[in-house]
Amino acid sequence: MSDDTSTNETNQDLLARLKNLAQPLVDSLDSRLRDQVDRRVDERVDASLASRLSVIERAIADLDRSLKELEGRLDNKD
């Protein structure tokens, strides 16, 4: 049993050391992946907003033209 306990403690110690050595690499990869995901999400949001804003801008331009036509009709009636 003493050998099993000693082996288990050695395994746990090696595992802890491996985790300590690998943790900076894991943290770095995690940070890089998070940045890439954030950048891609930002690009998609920007594209979606640009598309929706262009629709709104066209609608505003259509309303502006309609208002000018109505104003022109009212001016002609006077």
C-alpha atoms as a PDB file:
ATOM      1  CA  MET A   1       0.000   0.000   0.000  1.00  0.00           C
ATOM      2  CA  SER A   2       2.872   2.335   0.702  1.00  0.00           C
ATOM      3  CA  ASP A   3       4.068   1.979  -2.879  1.00  0.00           C
ATOM      4  CA  ASP A   4       0.559   2.710  -4.196  1.00  0.00           C
ATOM      5  CA  THR A   5       0.333   5.817  -2.046  1.00  0.00           C
ATOM      6  CA  SER A   6       3.816   6.945  -3.079  1.00  0.00           C
ATOM      7  CA  THR A   7       3.058   6.345  -6.760  1.00  0.00           C
ATOM      8  CA  ASN A   8      -0.246   8.181  -6.481  1.00  0.00           C
ATOM      9  CA  GLU A   9       1.463  11.151  -4.795  1.00  0.00           C
ATOM     10  CA  THR A  10       4.157  11.181  -7.495  1.00  0.00           C
ATOM     11  CA  ASN A  11       1.526  11.084 -10.211  1.00  0.00           C
ATOM     12  CA  GLN A  12      -0.386  13.914  -8.551  1.00  0.00           C
ATOM     13  CA  ASP A  13       2.831  15.929  -8.208  1.00  0.00           C
ATOM     14  CA  LEU A  14       3.729  15.381 -11.866  1.00  0.00           C
ATOM     15  CA  LEU A  15       0.208  16.300 -12.938  1.00  0.00           C
ATOM     16  CA  ALA A  16       0.330  19.490 -10.873  1.00  0.00           C
ATOM     17  CA  ARG A  17       3.703  20.427 -12.360  1.00  0.00           C
ATOM     18  CA  LEU A  18       2.451  19.734 -15.887  1.00  0.00           C
ATOM     19  CA  LYS A  19      -0.601  21.923 -15.270  1.00  0.00           C
ATOM     20  CA  ASN A  20       1.628  24.713 -13.951  1.00  0.00           C
ATOM     21  CA  LEU A  21       3.853  24.514 -17.018  1.00  0.00           C
ATOM     22  CA  ALA A  22       0.985  24.325 -19.486  1.00  0.00           C
ATOM     23  CA  GLN A  23      -1.236  26.982 -17.898  1.00  0.00           C
ATOM     24  CA  PRO A  24       0.489  30.019 -19.506  1.00  0.00           C
ATOM     25  CA  LEU A  25       0.197  28.400 -22.932  1.00  0.00           C
ATOM     26  CA  VAL A  26      -3.466  27.584 -22.352  1.00  0.00           C
ATOM     27  CA  ASP A  27      -4.119  31.133 -21.127  1.00  0.00           C
ATOM     28  CA  SER A  28      -2.373  32.604 -24.169  1.00  0.00           C
ATOM     29  CA  LEU A  29      -4.342  30.435 -26.600  1.00  0.00           C
ATOM     30  CA  ASP A  30      -7.563  31.236 -24.781  1.00  0.00           C
ATOM     31  CA  SER A  31      -6.853  34.947 -25.034  1.00  0.00           C
ATOM     32  CA  ARG A  32      -6.032  34.726 -28.753  1.00  0.00           C
ATOM     33  CA  LEU A  33      -9.155  32.714 -29.510  1.00  0.00           C
ATOM     34  CA  ARG A  34     -11.313  35.119 -27.526  1.00  0.00           C
ATOM     35  CA  ASP A  35      -9.848  38.056 -29.475  1.00  0.00           C
ATOM     36  CA  GLN A  36     -10.526  36.327 -32.805  1.00  0.00           C
ATOM     37  CA  VAL A  37     -14.093  35.498 -31.826  1.00  0.00           C
ATOM     38  CA  ASP A  38     -14.663  39.055 -30.593  1.00  0.00           C
ATOM     39  CA  ARG A  39     -13.270  40.474 -33.827  1.00  0.00           C
ATOM     40  CA  ARG A  40     -15.462  38.222 -35.972  1.00  0.00           C
ATOM     41  CA  VAL A  41     -18.542  39.050 -33.933  1.00  0.00           C
ATOM     42  CA  ASP A  42     -17.744  42.765 -34.242  1.00  0.00           C
ATOM     43  CA  GLU A  43     -17.365  42.403 -38.025  1.00  0.00           C
ATOM     44  CA  ARG A  44     -20.708  40.619 -38.307  1.00  0.00           C
ATOM     45  CA  VAL A  45     -22.444  43.181 -36.121  1.00  0.00           C
ATOM     46  CA  ASP A  46     -20.943  46.029 -38.155  1.00  0.00           C
ATOM     47  CA  ALA A  47     -22.069  44.423 -41.420  1.00  0.00           C
ATOM     48  CA  SER A  48     -25.557  43.825 -40.076  1.00  0.00           C
ATOM     49  CA  LEU A  49     -25.839  47.385 -38.787  1.00  0.00           C
ATOM     50  CA  ALA A  50     -24.571  48.824 -42.064  1.00  0.00           C
ATOM     51  CA  SER A  51     -27.165  46.820 -43.972  1.00  0.00           C
ATOM     52  CA  ARG A  52     -29.991  47.905 -41.691  1.00  0.00           C
ATOM     53  CA  LEU A  53     -28.853  51.511 -41.689  1.00  0.00           C
ATOM     54  CA  SER A  54     -28.813  51.599 -45.488  1.00  0.00           C
ATOM     55  CA  VAL A  55     -32.441  50.442 -45.513  1.00  0.00           C
ATOM     56  CA  ILE A  56     -33.332  53.177 -43.025  1.00  0.00           C
ATOM     57  CA  GLU A  57     -31.433  55.783 -45.056  1.00  0.00           C
ATOM     58  CA  ARG A  58     -33.331  54.785 -48.222  1.00  0.00           C
ATOM     59  CA  ALA A  59     -36.632  55.010 -46.361  1.00  0.00           C
ATOM     60  CA  ILE A  60     -35.731  58.480 -45.082  1.00  0.00           C
ATOM     61  CA  ALA A  61     -34.780  59.574 -48.593  1.00  0.00           C
ATOM     62  CA  ASP A  62     -38.109  58.247 -49.926  1.00  0.00           C
ATOM     63  CA  LEU A  63     -39.997  60.128 -47.210  1.00  0.00           C
ATOM     64  CA  ASP A  64     -38.054  63.289 -47.961  1.00  0.00           C
ATOM     65  CA  ARG A  65     -38.944  63.063 -51.662  1.00  0.00           C
ATOM     66  CA  SER A  66     -42.595  62.445 -50.834  1.00  0.00           C
ATOM     67  CA  LEU A  67     -42.682  65.443 -48.515  1.00  0.00           C
ATOM     68  CA  LYS A  68     -41.121  67.659 -51.165  1.00  0.00           C
ATOM     69  CA  GLU A  69     -43.715  66.465 -53.694  1.00  0.00           C
ATOM     70  CA  LEU A  70     -46.529  67.231 -51.266  1.00  0.00           C
ATOM     71  CA  GLU A  71     -45.080  70.646 -50.498  1.00  0.00           C
ATOM     72  CA  GLY A  72     -44.833  71.311 -54.222  1.00  0.00           C
ATOM     73  CA  ARG A  73     -48.492  70.372 -54.718  1.00  0.00           C
ATOM     74  CA  LEU A  74     -49.547  72.621 -51.854  1.00  0.00           C
ATOM     75  CA  ASP A  75     -47.527  75.507 -53.257  1.00  0.00           C
ATOM     76  CA  ASN A  76     -49.084  75.035 -56.716  1.00  0.00           C
ATOM     77  CA  LYS A  77     -52.628  75.120 -55.287  1.00  0.00           C
ATOM     78  CA  ASP A  78     -52.069  78.542 -53.774  1.00  0.00           C
END
